[in-house]
PDB file of N, CA and C in Angstrom:
ATOM      1  N   MET A   1     -87.621  29.140-188.208  1.00  0.00           N
ATOM      2  CA  MET A   1     -86.466  29.545-187.419  1.00  0.00           C
ATOM      3  C   MET A   1     -86.463  31.066-187.309  1.00  0.00           C
ATOM      4  N   SER A   2     -86.331  31.539-186.110  1.00  0.00           N
ATOM      5  CA  SER A   2     -86.361  32.981-185.869  1.00  0.00           C
ATOM      6  C   SER A   2     -84.955  33.483-185.569  1.00  0.00           C
ATOM      7  N   THR A   3     -84.596  34.578-186.183  1.00  0.00           N
ATOM      8  CA  THR A   3     -83.300  35.195-185.952  1.00  0.00           C
ATOM      9  C   THR A   3     -83.513  36.466-185.152  1.00  0.00           C
ATOM     10  N   ILE A   4     -82.788  36.603-184.055  1.00  0.00           N
ATOM     11  CA  ILE A   4     -82.885  37.821-183.265  1.00  0.00           C
ATOM     12  C   ILE A   4     -82.007  38.870-183.927  1.00  0.00           C
ATOM     13  N   GLU A   5     -82.615  39.998-184.219  1.00  0.00           N
ATOM     14  CA  GLU A   5     -81.888  41.071-184.884  1.00  0.00           C
ATOM     15  C   GLU A   5     -81.188  41.948-183.855  1.00  0.00           C
ATOM     16  N   ASN A   6     -79.995  42.380-184.201  1.00  0.00           N
ATOM     17  CA  ASN A   6     -79.242  43.317-183.380  1.00  0.00           C
ATOM     18  C   ASN A   6     -79.675  44.723-183.786  1.00  0.00           C
ATOM     19  N   ARG A   7     -80.361  45.424-182.904  1.00  0.00           N
ATOM     20  CA  ARG A   7     -80.921  46.737-183.260  1.00  0.00           C
ATOM     21  C   ARG A   7     -80.089  47.868-182.672  1.00  0.00           C
ATOM     22  N   THR A   8     -78.813  47.889-182.989  1.00  0.00           N
ATOM     23  CA  THR A   8     -77.956  48.933-182.439  1.00  0.00           C
ATOM     24  C   THR A   8     -77.503  49.951-183.471  1.00  0.00           C
ATOM     25  N   ALA A   9     -77.795  49.718-184.737  1.00  0.00           N
ATOM     26  CA  ALA A   9     -77.405  50.676-185.774  1.00  0.00           C
ATOM     27  C   ALA A   9     -78.511  51.703-185.952  1.00  0.00           C
ATOM     28  N   ARG A  10     -78.118  52.938-186.107  1.00  0.00           N
ATOM     29  CA  ARG A  10     -79.087  54.026-186.262  1.00  0.00           C
ATOM     30  C   ARG A  10     -79.099  54.492-187.720  1.00  0.00           C
ATOM     31  N   LEU A  11     -80.295  54.750-188.219  1.00  0.00           N
ATOM     32  CA  LEU A  11     -80.479  55.272-189.570  1.00  0.00           C
ATOM     33  C   LEU A  11     -81.211  56.604-189.435  1.00  0.00           C
ATOM     34  N   THR A  12     -80.588  57.664-189.894  1.00  0.00           N
ATOM     35  CA  THR A  12     -81.197  58.991-189.805  1.00  0.00           C
ATOM     36  C   THR A  12     -81.544  59.456-191.210  1.00  0.00           C
ATOM     37  N   LEU A  13     -82.758  59.944-191.385  1.00  0.00           N
ATOM     38  CA  LEU A  13     -83.140  60.449-192.698  1.00  0.00           C
ATOM     39  C   LEU A  13     -84.006  61.685-192.549  1.00  0.00           C
ATOM     40  N   LEU A  14     -83.993  62.496-193.571  1.00  0.00           N
ATOM     41  CA  LEU A  14     -84.810  63.706-193.602  1.00  0.00           C
ATOM     42  C   LEU A  14     -86.053  63.436-194.436  1.00  0.00           C
ATOM     43  N   VAL A  15     -87.199  63.851-193.894  1.00  0.00           N
ATOM     44  CA  VAL A  15     -88.486  63.608-194.537  1.00  0.00           C
ATOM     45  C   VAL A  15     -89.308  64.889-194.473  1.00  0.00           C
ATOM     46  N   ASP A  16     -90.080  65.113-195.494  1.00  0.00           N
ATOM     47  CA  ASP A  16     -91.005  66.239-195.505  1.00  0.00           C
ATOM     48  C   ASP A  16     -91.918  66.150-194.274  1.00  0.00           C
ATOM     49  N   PRO A  17     -92.098  67.243-193.543  1.00  0.00           N
ATOM     50  CA  PRO A  17     -92.907  67.210-192.313  1.00  0.00           C
ATOM     51  C   PRO A  17     -94.340  66.694-192.514  1.00  0.00           C
ATOM     52  N   ASP A  18     -94.949  67.018-193.626  1.00  0.00           N
ATOM     53  CA  ASP A  18     -96.316  66.536-193.880  1.00  0.00           C
ATOM     54  C   ASP A  18     -96.335  65.020-194.101  1.00  0.00           C
ATOM     55  N   LYS A  19     -95.338  64.511-194.827  1.00  0.00           N
ATOM     56  CA  LYS A  19     -95.249  63.063-195.032  1.00  0.00           C
ATOM     57  C   LYS A  19     -94.983  62.357-193.709  1.00  0.00           C
ATOM     58  N   LYS A  20     -94.128  62.954-192.878  1.00  0.00           N
ATOM     59  CA  LYS A  20     -93.826  62.368-191.573  1.00  0.00           C
ATOM     60  C   LYS A  20     -95.085  62.283-190.720  1.00  0.00           C
ATOM     61  N   ALA A  21     -95.849  63.349-190.678  1.00  0.00           N
ATOM     62  CA  ALA A  21     -97.084  63.371-189.889  1.00  0.00           C
ATOM     63  C   ALA A  21     -98.079  62.326-190.402  1.00  0.00           C
ATOM     64  N   THR A  22     -98.201  62.221-191.713  1.00  0.00           N
ATOM     65  CA  THR A  22     -99.099  61.234-192.307  1.00  0.00           C
ATOM     66  C   THR A  22     -98.630  59.821-191.985  1.00  0.00           C
ATOM     67  N   PHE A  23     -97.327  59.576-192.115  1.00  0.00           N
ATOM     68  CA  PHE A  23     -96.751  58.267-191.809  1.00  0.00           C
ATOM     69  C   PHE A  23     -97.016  57.895-190.356  1.00  0.00           C
ATOM     70  N   GLU A  24     -96.782  58.829-189.447  1.00  0.00           N
ATOM     71  CA  GLU A  24     -97.011  58.569-188.026  1.00  0.00           C
ATOM     72  C   GLU A  24     -98.492  58.273-187.745  1.00  0.00           C
ATOM     73  N   ARG A  25     -99.387  59.000-188.390  1.00  0.00           N
ATOM     74  CA  ARG A  25    -100.818  58.771-188.207  1.00  0.00           C
ATOM     75  C   ARG A  25    -101.216  57.392-188.719  1.00  0.00           C
ATOM     76  N   LEU A  26    -100.714  57.030-189.893  1.00  0.00           N
ATOM     77  CA  LEU A  26    -101.036  55.724-190.459  1.00  0.00           C
ATOM     78  C   LEU A  26    -100.468  54.587-189.619  1.00  0.00           C
ATOM     79  N   CYS A  27     -99.281  54.772-189.105  1.00  0.00           N
ATOM     80  CA  CYS A  27     -98.691  53.757-188.213  1.00  0.00           C
ATOM     81  C   CYS A  27     -99.546  53.595-186.964  1.00  0.00           C
ATOM     82  N   ALA A  28     -99.980  54.710-186.396  1.00  0.00           N
ATOM     83  CA  ALA A  28    -100.819  54.662-185.192  1.00  0.00           C
ATOM     84  C   ALA A  28    -102.126  53.918-185.470  1.00  0.00           C
ATOM     85  N   GLU A  29    -102.678  54.106-186.654  1.00  0.00           N
ATOM     86  CA  GLU A  29    -103.907  53.400-187.026  1.00  0.00           C
ATOM     87  C   GLU A  29    -103.702  51.890-187.040  1.00  0.00           C
ATOM     88  N   GLU A  30    -102.466  51.449-187.342  1.00  0.00           N
ATOM     89  CA  GLU A  30    -102.145  50.022-187.364  1.00  0.00           C
ATOM     90  C   GLU A  30    -101.540  49.562-186.043  1.00  0.00           C
ATOM     91  N   ASP A  31    -101.474  50.458-185.062  1.00  0.00           N
ATOM     92  CA  ASP A  31    -100.935  50.160-183.733  1.00  0.00           C
ATOM     93  C   ASP A  31     -99.487  49.661-183.800  1.00  0.00           C
ATOM     94  N   VAL A  32     -98.705  50.314-184.660  1.00  0.00           N
ATOM     95  CA  VAL A  32     -97.266  50.047-184.722  1.00  0.00           C
ATOM     96  C   VAL A  32     -96.531  51.377-184.625  1.00  0.00           C
ATOM     97  N   THR A  33     -95.315  51.330-184.128  1.00  0.00           N
ATOM     98  CA  THR A  33     -94.514  52.550-184.072  1.00  0.00           C
ATOM     99  C   THR A  33     -93.917  52.807-185.456  1.00  0.00           C
ATOM    100  N   PRO A  34     -93.563  54.056-185.740  1.00  0.00           N
ATOM    101  CA  PRO A  34     -92.873  54.328-187.011  1.00  0.00           C
ATOM    102  C   PRO A  34     -91.601  53.489-187.162  1.00  0.00           C
ATOM    103  N   SER A  35     -90.869  53.286-186.079  1.00  0.00           N
ATOM    104  CA  SER A  35     -89.646  52.464-186.151  1.00  0.00           C
ATOM    105  C   SER A  35     -89.959  51.026-186.541  1.00  0.00           C
ATOM    106  N   GLN A  36     -91.020  50.464-185.960  1.00  0.00           N
ATOM    107  CA  GLN A  36     -91.413  49.100-186.318  1.00  0.00           C
ATOM    108  C   GLN A  36     -91.761  49.010-187.794  1.00  0.00           C
ATOM    109  N   MET A  37     -92.476  50.003-188.289  1.00  0.00           N
ATOM    110  CA  MET A  37     -92.880  49.982-189.696  1.00  0.00           C
ATOM    111  C   MET A  37     -91.675  50.147-190.620  1.00  0.00           C
ATOM    112  N   VAL A  38     -90.747  51.017-190.274  1.00  0.00           N
ATOM    113  CA  VAL A  38     -89.550  51.196-191.102  1.00  0.00           C
ATOM    114  C   VAL A  38     -88.752  49.895-191.130  1.00  0.00           C
ATOM    115  N   ARG A  39     -88.588  49.234-189.971  1.00  0.00           N
ATOM    116  CA  ARG A  39     -87.878  47.944-189.956  1.00  0.00           C
ATOM    117  C   ARG A  39     -88.578  46.928-190.842  1.00  0.00           C
ATOM    118  N   LYS A  40     -89.919  46.895-190.790  1.00  0.00           N
ATOM    119  CA  LYS A  40     -90.693  45.977-191.637  1.00  0.00           C
ATOM    120  C   LYS A  40     -90.472  46.296-193.111  1.00  0.00           C
ATOM    121  N   LEU A  41     -90.527  47.571-193.476  1.00  0.00           N
ATOM    122  CA  LEU A  41     -90.321  47.964-194.872  1.00  0.00           C
ATOM    123  C   LEU A  41     -88.915  47.595-195.353  1.00  0.00           C
ATOM    124  N   ILE A  42     -87.919  47.767-194.487  1.00  0.00           N
ATOM    125  CA  ILE A  42     -86.544  47.407-194.851  1.00  0.00           C
ATOM    126  C   ILE A  42     -86.438  45.899-195.061  1.00  0.00           C
ATOM    127  N   ARG A  43     -87.022  45.106-194.136  1.00  0.00           N
ATOM    128  CA  ARG A  43     -86.992  43.643-194.305  1.00  0.00           C
ATOM    129  C   ARG A  43     -87.649  43.227-195.613  1.00  0.00           C
ATOM    130  N   GLU A  44     -88.813  43.821-195.919  1.00  0.00           N
ATOM    131  CA  GLU A  44     -89.518  43.479-197.154  1.00  0.00           C
ATOM    132  C   GLU A  44     -88.700  43.847-198.386  1.00  0.00           C
ATOM    133  N   TYR A  45     -88.032  44.987-198.359  1.00  0.00           N
ATOM    134  CA  TYR A  45     -87.192  45.409-199.481  1.00  0.00           C
ATOM    135  C   TYR A  45     -86.024  44.439-199.684  1.00  0.00           C
ATOM    136  N   ILE A  46     -85.368  44.084-198.589  1.00  0.00           N
ATOM    137  CA  ILE A  46     -84.244  43.155-198.686  1.00  0.00           C
ATOM    138  C   ILE A  46     -84.717  41.817-199.232  1.00  0.00           C
ATOM    139  N   GLU A  47     -85.860  41.339-198.746  1.00  0.00           N
ATOM    140  CA  GLU A  47     -86.370  40.056-199.234  1.00  0.00           C
ATOM    141  C   GLU A  47     -86.727  40.124-200.713  1.00  0.00           C
ATOM    142  N   ARG A  48     -87.297  41.234-201.148  1.00  0.00           N
ATOM    143  CA  ARG A  48     -87.597  41.397-202.582  1.00  0.00           C
ATOM    144  C   ARG A  48     -86.331  41.329-203.418  1.00  0.00           C
ATOM    145  N   ARG A  49     -85.250  41.916-202.917  1.00  0.00           N
ATOM    146  CA  ARG A  49     -84.002  41.962-203.685  1.00  0.00           C
ATOM    147  C   ARG A  49     -83.197  40.664-203.594  1.00  0.00           C
ATOM    148  N   LEU A  50     -83.155  40.051-202.392  1.00  0.00           N
ATOM    149  CA  LEU A  50     -82.288  38.892-202.176  1.00  0.00           C
ATOM    150  C   LEU A  50     -83.024  37.560-202.121  1.00  0.00           C
ATOM    151  N   GLY A  51     -84.347  37.594-202.015  1.00  0.00           N
ATOM    152  CA  GLY A  51     -85.123  36.360-201.955  1.00  0.00           C
ATOM    153  C   GLY A  51     -85.440  35.949-200.527  1.00  0.00           C
ATOM    154  N   PRO A  52     -86.253  34.890-200.395  1.00  0.00           N
ATOM    155  CA  PRO A  52     -86.767  34.498-199.089  1.00  0.00           C
ATOM    156  C   PRO A  52     -85.721  33.958-198.116  1.00  0.00           C
ATOM    157  N   THR A  53     -84.557  33.607-198.604  1.00  0.00           N
ATOM    158  CA  THR A  53     -83.511  33.093-197.698  1.00  0.00           C
ATOM    159  C   THR A  53     -82.505  34.180-197.325  1.00  0.00           C
ATOM    160  N   TRP A  54     -82.898  35.426-197.468  1.00  0.00           N
ATOM    161  CA  TRP A  54     -81.974  36.542-197.219  1.00  0.00           C
ATOM    162  C   TRP A  54     -81.399  36.536-195.822  1.00  0.00           C
ATOM    163  N   ARG A  55     -82.154  36.075-194.829  1.00  0.00           N
ATOM    164  CA  ARG A  55     -81.658  36.091-193.441  1.00  0.00           C
ATOM    165  C   ARG A  55     -80.385  35.265-193.301  1.00  0.00           C
ATOM    166  N   ASP A  56     -80.358  34.097-193.952  1.00  0.00           N
ATOM    167  CA  ASP A  56     -79.155  33.270-193.902  1.00  0.00           C
ATOM    168  C   ASP A  56     -77.968  34.028-194.486  1.00  0.00           C
ATOM    169  N   GLU A  57     -78.174  34.654-195.636  1.00  0.00           N
ATOM    170  CA  GLU A  57     -77.101  35.396-196.299  1.00  0.00           C
ATOM    171  C   GLU A  57     -76.646  36.589-195.461  1.00  0.00           C
ATOM    172  N   VAL A  58     -77.586  37.379-194.974  1.00  0.00           N
ATOM    173  CA  VAL A  58     -77.246  38.600-194.243  1.00  0.00           C
ATOM    174  C   VAL A  58     -76.613  38.271-192.894  1.00  0.00           C
ATOM    175  N   PHE A  59     -77.247  37.421-192.117  1.00  0.00           N
ATOM    176  CA  PHE A  59     -76.760  37.162-190.777  1.00  0.00           C
ATOM    177  C   PHE A  59     -75.534  36.257-190.769  1.00  0.00           C
ATOM    178  N   ASN A  60     -75.406  35.325-191.717  1.00  0.00           N
ATOM    179  CA  ASN A  60     -74.202  34.502-191.792  1.00  0.00           C
ATOM    180  C   ASN A  60     -73.013  35.318-192.259  1.00  0.00           C
ATOM    181  N   ASP A  61     -73.230  36.236-193.220  1.00  0.00           N
ATOM    182  CA  ASP A  61     -72.163  37.123-193.667  1.00  0.00           C
ATOM    183  C   ASP A  61     -71.699  37.995-192.517  1.00  0.00           C
ATOM    184  N   HIS A  62     -72.642  38.467-191.694  1.00  0.00           N
ATOM    185  CA  HIS A  62     -72.311  39.327-190.566  1.00  0.00           C
ATOM    186  C   HIS A  62     -71.461  38.581-189.537  1.00  0.00           C
ATOM    187  N   LYS A  63     -71.790  37.308-189.280  1.00  0.00           N
ATOM    188  CA  LYS A  63     -71.039  36.512-188.301  1.00  0.00           C
ATOM    189  C   LYS A  63     -69.633  36.225-188.793  1.00  0.00           C
ATOM    190  N   ALA A  64     -69.467  36.092-190.103  1.00  0.00           N
ATOM    191  CA  ALA A  64     -68.149  35.786-190.664  1.00  0.00           C
ATOM    192  C   ALA A  64     -67.202  36.979-190.598  1.00  0.00           C
ATOM    193  N   SER A  65     -67.761  38.190-190.464  1.00  0.00           N
ATOM    194  CA  SER A  65     -66.935  39.400-190.459  1.00  0.00           C
ATOM    195  C   SER A  65     -66.114  39.530-189.211  1.00  0.00           C
TER     196      SER A  65
END
């Protein structure tokens, strides 16, 4: 089952310029945008913390609000 994510929230962070350049280069090597990779890293972190059924918890909680 696929859940469509609402991508309207913005996350702004400050990063060392050298790390940013390296991150962008590595993302390009994998043919993904930095935004795609950050979203992937966030999903993986949430799943590590909440388990494989995190989507039900996160998206159902959001709908109840």
